[in-house]
C-alpha atoms as a PDB file:
ATOM      1  CA  UNK A   1      13.908 -13.726   7.359  1.00  0.00           C
ATOM      2  CA  UNK A   2      11.264 -11.113   6.915  1.00  0.00           C
ATOM      3  CA  UNK A   3      12.878  -7.734   7.135  1.00  0.00           C
ATOM      4  CA  UNK A   4      10.912  -4.502   7.310  1.00  0.00           C
ATOM      5  CA  UNK A   5      12.105  -0.973   6.465  1.00  0.00           C
ATOM      6  CA  UNK A   6       9.778   1.808   7.388  1.00  0.00           C
ATOM      7  CA  UNK A   7       9.955   5.329   5.823  1.00  0.00           C
ATOM      8  CA  UNK A   8       8.627   7.864   8.405  1.00  0.00           C
ATOM      9  CA  UNK A   9       6.540  10.871   7.643  1.00  0.00           C
ATOM     10  CA  UNK A  10       7.984  14.317   8.514  1.00  0.00           C
ATOM     11  CA  UNK A  11       7.242  15.459  12.103  1.00  0.00           C
ATOM     12  CA  UNK A  12       3.843  17.192  12.501  1.00  0.00           C
ATOM     13  CA  UNK A  13       2.259  15.581   9.381  1.00  0.00           C
ATOM     14  CA  UNK A  14      -1.451  16.129   9.786  1.00  0.00           C
ATOM     15  CA  UNK A  15      -2.363  12.625   8.680  1.00  0.00           C
ATOM     16  CA  UNK A  16      -2.780  10.470  11.789  1.00  0.00           C
ATOM     17  CA  UNK A  17      -5.051   7.529  12.208  1.00  0.00           C
ATOM     18  CA  UNK A  18      -7.318   6.810   9.229  1.00  0.00           C
ATOM     19  CA  UNK A  19      -4.905   4.397   7.564  1.00  0.00           C
ATOM     20  CA  UNK A  20      -2.994   3.173  10.641  1.00  0.00           C
ATOM     21  CA  UNK A  21      -2.342  -0.565  10.235  1.00  0.00           C
ATOM     22  CA  UNK A  22      -1.432  -2.644  13.276  1.00  0.00           C
ATOM     23  CA  UNK A  23      -0.495  -6.291  13.226  1.00  0.00           C
ATOM     24  CA  UNK A  24      -0.284  -8.207  16.491  1.00  0.00           C
ATOM     25  CA  UNK A  25       1.171 -11.744  16.303  1.00  0.00           C
ATOM     26  CA  UNK A  26      -0.539 -12.198  12.835  1.00  0.00           C
ATOM     27  CA  UNK A  27      -0.138 -15.738  11.685  1.00  0.00           C
ATOM     28  CA  UNK A  28      -1.187 -17.847   8.550  1.00  0.00           C
ATOM     29  CA  UNK A  29      -1.096 -21.568   8.582  1.00  0.00           C
ATOM     30  CA  UNK A  30      -2.465 -23.406   5.535  1.00  0.00           C
ATOM     31  CA  UNK A  31      -4.527 -26.596   5.903  1.00  0.00           C
ATOM     32  CA  UNK A  32      -1.536 -28.690   4.895  1.00  0.00           C
ATOM     33  CA  UNK A  33       0.473 -27.357   7.889  1.00  0.00           C
ATOM     34  CA  UNK A  34       2.632 -24.920   5.997  1.00  0.00           C
ATOM     35  CA  UNK A  35       3.365 -21.789   8.071  1.00  0.00           C
ATOM     36  CA  UNK A  36       3.321 -18.868   5.610  1.00  0.00           C
ATOM     37  CA  UNK A  37       3.485 -16.097   8.231  1.00  0.00           C
ATOM     38  CA  UNK A  38       4.840 -17.135  11.637  1.00  0.00           C
ATOM     39  CA  UNK A  39       3.727 -14.142  13.723  1.00  0.00           C
ATOM     40  CA  UNK A  40       4.136 -10.641  12.342  1.00  0.00           C
ATOM     41  CA  UNK A  41       3.854  -7.754  14.743  1.00  0.00           C
ATOM     42  CA  UNK A  42       4.322  -4.187  13.727  1.00  0.00           C
ATOM     43  CA  UNK A  43       2.473  -0.868  13.263  1.00  0.00           C
ATOM     44  CA  UNK A  44       2.419   1.384  10.212  1.00  0.00           C
ATOM     45  CA  UNK A  45       1.165   5.070  10.739  1.00  0.00           C
ATOM     46  CA  UNK A  46      -1.313   6.621   8.332  1.00  0.00           C
ATOM     47  CA  UNK A  47       0.797   7.924   5.454  1.00  0.00           C
ATOM     48  CA  UNK A  48       3.834   5.957   6.319  1.00  0.00           C
ATOM     49  CA  UNK A  49       5.403   3.733   3.655  1.00  0.00           C
ATOM     50  CA  UNK A  50       6.462   0.230   4.579  1.00  0.00           C
ATOM     51  CA  UNK A  51       8.577  -2.084   2.477  1.00  0.00           C
ATOM     52  CA  UNK A  52       8.638  -5.833   3.273  1.00  0.00           C
ATOM     53  CA  UNK A  53      11.920  -7.277   2.075  1.00  0.00           C
ATOM     54  CA  UNK A  54      12.843 -10.885   2.070  1.00  0.00           C
ATOM     55  CA  UNK A  55      13.535 -13.955  -0.126  1.00  0.00           C
ATOM     56  CA  UNK A  56      10.885 -15.671  -2.217  1.00  0.00           C
ATOM     57  CA  UNK A  57       8.467 -17.671  -0.183  1.00  0.00           C
ATOM     58  CA  UNK A  58       9.031 -15.878   3.160  1.00  0.00           C
ATOM     59  CA  UNK A  59       5.448 -14.637   3.421  1.00  0.00           C
ATOM     60  CA  UNK A  60       5.551 -11.025   2.091  1.00  0.00           C
ATOM     61  CA  UNK A  61       2.763 -11.415  -0.443  1.00  0.00           C
ATOM     62  CA  UNK A  62       0.656 -13.571   1.949  1.00  0.00           C
ATOM     63  CA  UNK A  63       1.010 -10.850   4.637  1.00  0.00           C
ATOM     64  CA  UNK A  64      -0.186  -8.213   2.174  1.00  0.00           C
ATOM     65  CA  UNK A  65      -3.036 -10.420   1.080  1.00  0.00           C
ATOM     66  CA  UNK A  66      -4.163 -10.861   4.673  1.00  0.00           C
ATOM     67  CA  UNK A  67      -4.087  -7.068   5.262  1.00  0.00           C
ATOM     68  CA  UNK A  68      -6.109  -6.483   2.075  1.00  0.00           C
ATOM     69  CA  UNK A  69      -8.622  -9.195   3.141  1.00  0.00           C
ATOM     70  CA  UNK A  70      -7.878 -11.547   0.252  1.00  0.00           C
ATOM     71  CA  UNK A  71      -6.402 -14.164   2.574  1.00  0.00           C
ATOM     72  CA  UNK A  72      -7.881 -15.432   5.886  1.00  0.00           C
ATOM     73  CA  UNK A  73      -5.994 -14.930   9.161  1.00  0.00           C
ATOM     74  CA  UNK A  74      -5.207 -18.045  11.211  1.00  0.00           C
ATOM     75  CA  UNK A  75      -4.544 -16.087  14.404  1.00  0.00           C
ATOM     76  CA  UNK A  76      -3.539 -12.770  15.767  1.00  0.00           C
ATOM     77  CA  UNK A  77      -5.122  -9.263  15.387  1.00  0.00           C
ATOM     78  CA  UNK A  78      -5.256  -6.965  12.418  1.00  0.00           C
ATOM     79  CA  UNK A  79      -6.437  -3.452  12.914  1.00  0.00           C
ATOM     80  CA  UNK A  80      -6.920  -0.730  10.271  1.00  0.00           C
ATOM     81  CA  UNK A  81      -7.813   2.805  11.416  1.00  0.00           C
ATOM     82  CA  UNK A  82      -8.193   1.462  15.087  1.00  0.00           C
ATOM     83  CA  UNK A  83     -10.806  -1.136  14.033  1.00  0.00           C
ATOM     84  CA  UNK A  84     -10.113  -4.855  14.149  1.00  0.00           C
ATOM     85  CA  UNK A  85     -10.908  -6.229  10.705  1.00  0.00           C
ATOM     86  CA  UNK A  86      -9.812  -9.875  11.006  1.00  0.00           C
ATOM     87  CA  UNK A  87     -13.306 -11.114   9.900  1.00  0.00           C
ATOM     88  CA  UNK A  88     -14.254  -8.081   7.819  1.00  0.00           C
ATOM     89  CA  UNK A  89     -14.599  -8.806   4.046  1.00  0.00           C
ATOM     90  CA  UNK A  90     -12.143  -7.117   1.701  1.00  0.00           C
ATOM     91  CA  UNK A  91     -14.791  -4.881   0.227  1.00  0.00           C
ATOM     92  CA  UNK A  92     -15.509  -3.308   3.695  1.00  0.00           C
ATOM     93  CA  UNK A  93     -11.881  -2.692   4.734  1.00  0.00           C
ATOM     94  CA  UNK A  94     -11.410   0.740   3.044  1.00  0.00           C
ATOM     95  CA  UNK A  95      -8.124  -0.571   1.638  1.00  0.00           C
ATOM     96  CA  UNK A  96      -6.741  -0.925  -1.863  1.00  0.00           C
ATOM     97  CA  UNK A  97      -4.261  -3.387  -3.288  1.00  0.00           C
ATOM     98  CA  UNK A  98      -1.893  -2.327  -6.076  1.00  0.00           C
ATOM     99  CA  UNK A  99      -0.837  -5.295  -8.122  1.00  0.00           C
ATOM    100  CA  UNK A 100       2.408  -5.842  -9.885  1.00  0.00           C
ATOM    101  CA  UNK A 101       0.720  -5.376 -13.282  1.00  0.00           C
ATOM    102  CA  UNK A 102       0.231  -1.627 -12.452  1.00  0.00           C
ATOM    103  CA  UNK A 103      -3.632  -2.101 -12.480  1.00  0.00           C
ATOM    104  CA  UNK A 104      -4.186   0.842 -14.844  1.00  0.00           C
ATOM    105  CA  UNK A 105      -7.266   0.956 -17.144  1.00  0.00           C
ATOM    106  CA  UNK A 106      -5.885   1.403 -20.723  1.00  0.00           C
ATOM    107  CA  UNK A 107      -8.867   3.375 -22.012  1.00  0.00           C
ATOM    108  CA  UNK A 108      -8.623   5.973 -19.145  1.00  0.00           C
ATOM    109  CA  UNK A 109      -6.324   8.923 -18.639  1.00  0.00           C
ATOM    110  CA  UNK A 110      -3.773   9.080 -15.880  1.00  0.00           C
ATOM    111  CA  UNK A 111      -6.112  11.504 -14.030  1.00  0.00           C
ATOM    112  CA  UNK A 112      -9.086   9.130 -14.279  1.00  0.00           C
ATOM    113  CA  UNK A 113      -6.991   6.130 -13.243  1.00  0.00           C
ATOM    114  CA  UNK A 114      -5.713   7.996 -10.220  1.00  0.00           C
ATOM    115  CA  UNK A 115      -9.350   9.146  -9.490  1.00  0.00           C
ATOM    116  CA  UNK A 116     -11.071   5.837 -10.061  1.00  0.00           C
ATOM    117  CA  UNK A 117     -11.106   4.319  -6.545  1.00  0.00           C
ATOM    118  CA  UNK A 118     -11.895   7.628  -4.941  1.00  0.00           C
ATOM    119  CA  UNK A 119     -14.937   8.129  -7.291  1.00  0.00           C
ATOM    120  CA  UNK A 120     -16.168   4.683  -6.212  1.00  0.00           C
ATOM    121  CA  UNK A 121     -16.094   5.858  -2.633  1.00  0.00           C
ATOM    122  CA  UNK A 122     -18.205   8.868  -3.560  1.00  0.00           C
ATOM    123  CA  UNK A 123     -15.570  11.430  -2.663  1.00  0.00           C
ATOM    124  CA  UNK A 124     -16.693  15.056  -3.337  1.00  0.00           C
ATOM    125  CA  UNK A 125     -15.431  16.319  -6.708  1.00  0.00           C
ATOM    126  CA  UNK A 126     -13.310  19.167  -5.132  1.00  0.00           C
ATOM    127  CA  UNK A 127     -11.673  16.802  -2.646  1.00  0.00           C
ATOM    128  CA  UNK A 128     -11.109  14.231  -5.270  1.00  0.00           C
ATOM    129  CA  UNK A 129      -9.482  16.675  -7.669  1.00  0.00           C
ATOM    130  CA  UNK A 130      -7.190  17.960  -4.890  1.00  0.00           C
ATOM    131  CA  UNK A 131      -6.169  14.496  -3.778  1.00  0.00           C
ATOM    132  CA  UNK A 132      -5.538  13.345  -7.374  1.00  0.00           C
ATOM    133  CA  UNK A 133      -3.457  16.484  -8.248  1.00  0.00           C
ATOM    134  CA  UNK A 134      -1.522  16.215  -4.982  1.00  0.00           C
ATOM    135  CA  UNK A 135      -0.785  12.474  -5.539  1.00  0.00           C
ATOM    136  CA  UNK A 136       0.234  13.210  -9.205  1.00  0.00           C
ATOM    137  CA  UNK A 137       2.720  15.878  -8.057  1.00  0.00           C
ATOM    138  CA  UNK A 138       4.150  13.579  -5.475  1.00  0.00           C
ATOM    139  CA  UNK A 139       4.385  10.774  -8.104  1.00  0.00           C
ATOM    140  CA  UNK A 140       5.864  13.153 -10.702  1.00  0.00           C
ATOM    141  CA  UNK A 141       2.906  12.587 -12.987  1.00  0.00           C
ATOM    142  CA  UNK A 142       1.364  15.990 -12.803  1.00  0.00           C
ATOM    143  CA  UNK A 143       2.308  16.940 -16.337  1.00  0.00           C
ATOM    144  CA  UNK A 144       0.886  13.682 -17.651  1.00  0.00           C
ATOM    145  CA  UNK A 145      -2.597  13.675 -16.327  1.00  0.00           C
ATOM    146  CA  UNK A 146      -4.229  13.718 -19.839  1.00  0.00           C
ATOM    147  CA  UNK A 147      -2.161  10.771 -21.169  1.00  0.00           C
ATOM    148  CA  UNK A 148      -3.271   7.184 -21.491  1.00  0.00           C
ATOM    149  CA  UNK A 149      -1.192   4.420 -19.932  1.00  0.00           C
ATOM    150  CA  UNK A 150       0.214   3.324 -23.414  1.00  0.00           C
ATOM    151  CA  UNK A 151       1.736   6.843 -23.645  1.00  0.00           C
ATOM    152  CA  UNK A 152       3.750   6.405 -20.412  1.00  0.00           C
ATOM    153  CA  UNK A 153       7.071   4.850 -19.616  1.00  0.00           C
ATOM    154  CA  UNK A 154       7.202   1.744 -17.463  1.00  0.00           C
ATOM    155  CA  UNK A 155       8.254   3.686 -14.403  1.00  0.00           C
ATOM    156  CA  UNK A 156       5.457   6.206 -14.999  1.00  0.00           C
ATOM    157  CA  UNK A 157       2.960   3.304 -15.274  1.00  0.00           C
ATOM    158  CA  UNK A 158       4.322   1.897 -11.920  1.00  0.00           C
ATOM    159  CA  UNK A 159       3.902   5.273 -10.191  1.00  0.00           C
ATOM    160  CA  UNK A 160       0.344   5.506 -11.646  1.00  0.00           C
ATOM    161  CA  UNK A 161      -0.482   2.280 -10.099  1.00  0.00           C
ATOM    162  CA  UNK A 162       0.744   3.493  -6.719  1.00  0.00           C
ATOM    163  CA  UNK A 163      -1.529   6.596  -6.804  1.00  0.00           C
ATOM    164  CA  UNK A 164      -4.232   7.576  -4.259  1.00  0.00           C
ATOM    165  CA  UNK A 165      -6.560   4.986  -2.824  1.00  0.00           C
ATOM    166  CA  UNK A 166      -9.214   5.293  -0.036  1.00  0.00           C
ATOM    167  CA  UNK A 167      -7.943   4.396   3.460  1.00  0.00           C
ATOM    168  CA  UNK A 168      -4.728   2.266   3.741  1.00  0.00           C
ATOM    169  CA  UNK A 169      -2.913   0.919   0.774  1.00  0.00           C
ATOM    170  CA  UNK A 170      -1.088  -2.319   0.201  1.00  0.00           C
ATOM    171  CA  UNK A 171       1.323  -2.582  -2.647  1.00  0.00           C
ATOM    172  CA  UNK A 172       3.405  -5.361  -4.231  1.00  0.00           C
ATOM    173  CA  UNK A 173       6.692  -4.981  -6.008  1.00  0.00           C
ATOM    174  CA  UNK A 174       7.262  -3.178  -8.356  1.00  0.00           C
ATOM    175  CA  UNK A 175       4.528  -0.751  -7.221  1.00  0.00           C
ATOM    176  CA  UNK A 176       6.151  -0.388  -3.818  1.00  0.00           C
ATOM    177  CA  UNK A 177       9.464   0.346  -5.546  1.00  0.00           C
ATOM    178  CA  UNK A 178       7.776   2.928  -7.710  1.00  0.00           C
ATOM    179  CA  UNK A 179       6.560   4.779  -4.692  1.00  0.00           C
ATOM    180  CA  UNK A 180       9.977   4.769  -3.165  1.00  0.00           C
ATOM    181  CA  UNK A 181      11.613   5.914  -6.376  1.00  0.00           C
ATOM    182  CA  UNK A 182       9.096   8.794  -6.721  1.00  0.00           C
ATOM    183  CA  UNK A 183      10.560  10.566  -3.700  1.00  0.00           C
ATOM    184  CA  UNK A 184       7.906   9.515  -1.131  1.00  0.00           C
ATOM    185  CA  UNK A 185      10.576   8.206   1.156  1.00  0.00           C
ATOM    186  CA  UNK A 186      12.146  10.010   4.056  1.00  0.00           C
ATOM    187  CA  UNK A 187      14.593   8.763   6.705  1.00  0.00           C
ATOM    188  CA  UNK A 188      14.534   4.879   6.898  1.00  0.00           C
ATOM    189  CA  UNK A 189      13.839   3.158  10.281  1.00  0.00           C
ATOM    190  CA  UNK A 190      14.993  -0.379  10.566  1.00  0.00           C
ATOM    191  CA  UNK A 191      12.778  -2.614  12.388  1.00  0.00           C
ATOM    192  CA  UNK A 192      15.128  -5.603  12.767  1.00  0.00           C
ATOM    193  CA  UNK A 193      18.675  -5.677  13.903  1.00  0.00           C
ATOM    194  CA  UNK A 194      20.362  -7.480  11.040  1.00  0.00           C
ATOM    195  CA  UNK A 195      18.625  -5.719   8.219  1.00  0.00           C
ATOM    196  CA  UNK A 196      21.098  -4.389   5.683  1.00  0.00           C
ATOM    197  CA  UNK A 197      21.028  -0.641   5.040  1.00  0.00           C
ATOM    198  CA  UNK A 198      19.022   0.340   1.918  1.00  0.00           C
END
């Protein structure tokens, strides 16, 4: 069974809608008839952290790939930032996917790795610097910004891969675990009745 645990933002957080992700009866059925996702429906607020937990083969990665635009949607509606994106190519969704391999460029510093996606979007230098430094502090990497990935521990690399991205963000394990372990979590909200407590 797919089980979701959502970590809410503190009340009054200024981030509201840009990265809001809403799934309504999202379904993926492959040509051979295999149902990978049977009808996922939930909403994730901008800045909220969502962990999809379940056994191997239950559709977690397929669901993330559909959100990122790397997998087609059979039926249902996917909205990001209030805009339906079912047929929008991945490059136009303003979303990033963090892969299990940390996705860090070995020749770049931690700062440059964290800033990379934001630079591609043309973010102003002052805004980019503020966003990178804020994310680095949240991820406990603020004292390591000049280091290269090879100079980091495994956990630090994971957290670096979970750094700032434009718009919404989709992360696989262990990147999602890194975000949780870095202190980004708040009070958990269980979205299904038989989910075990974290």
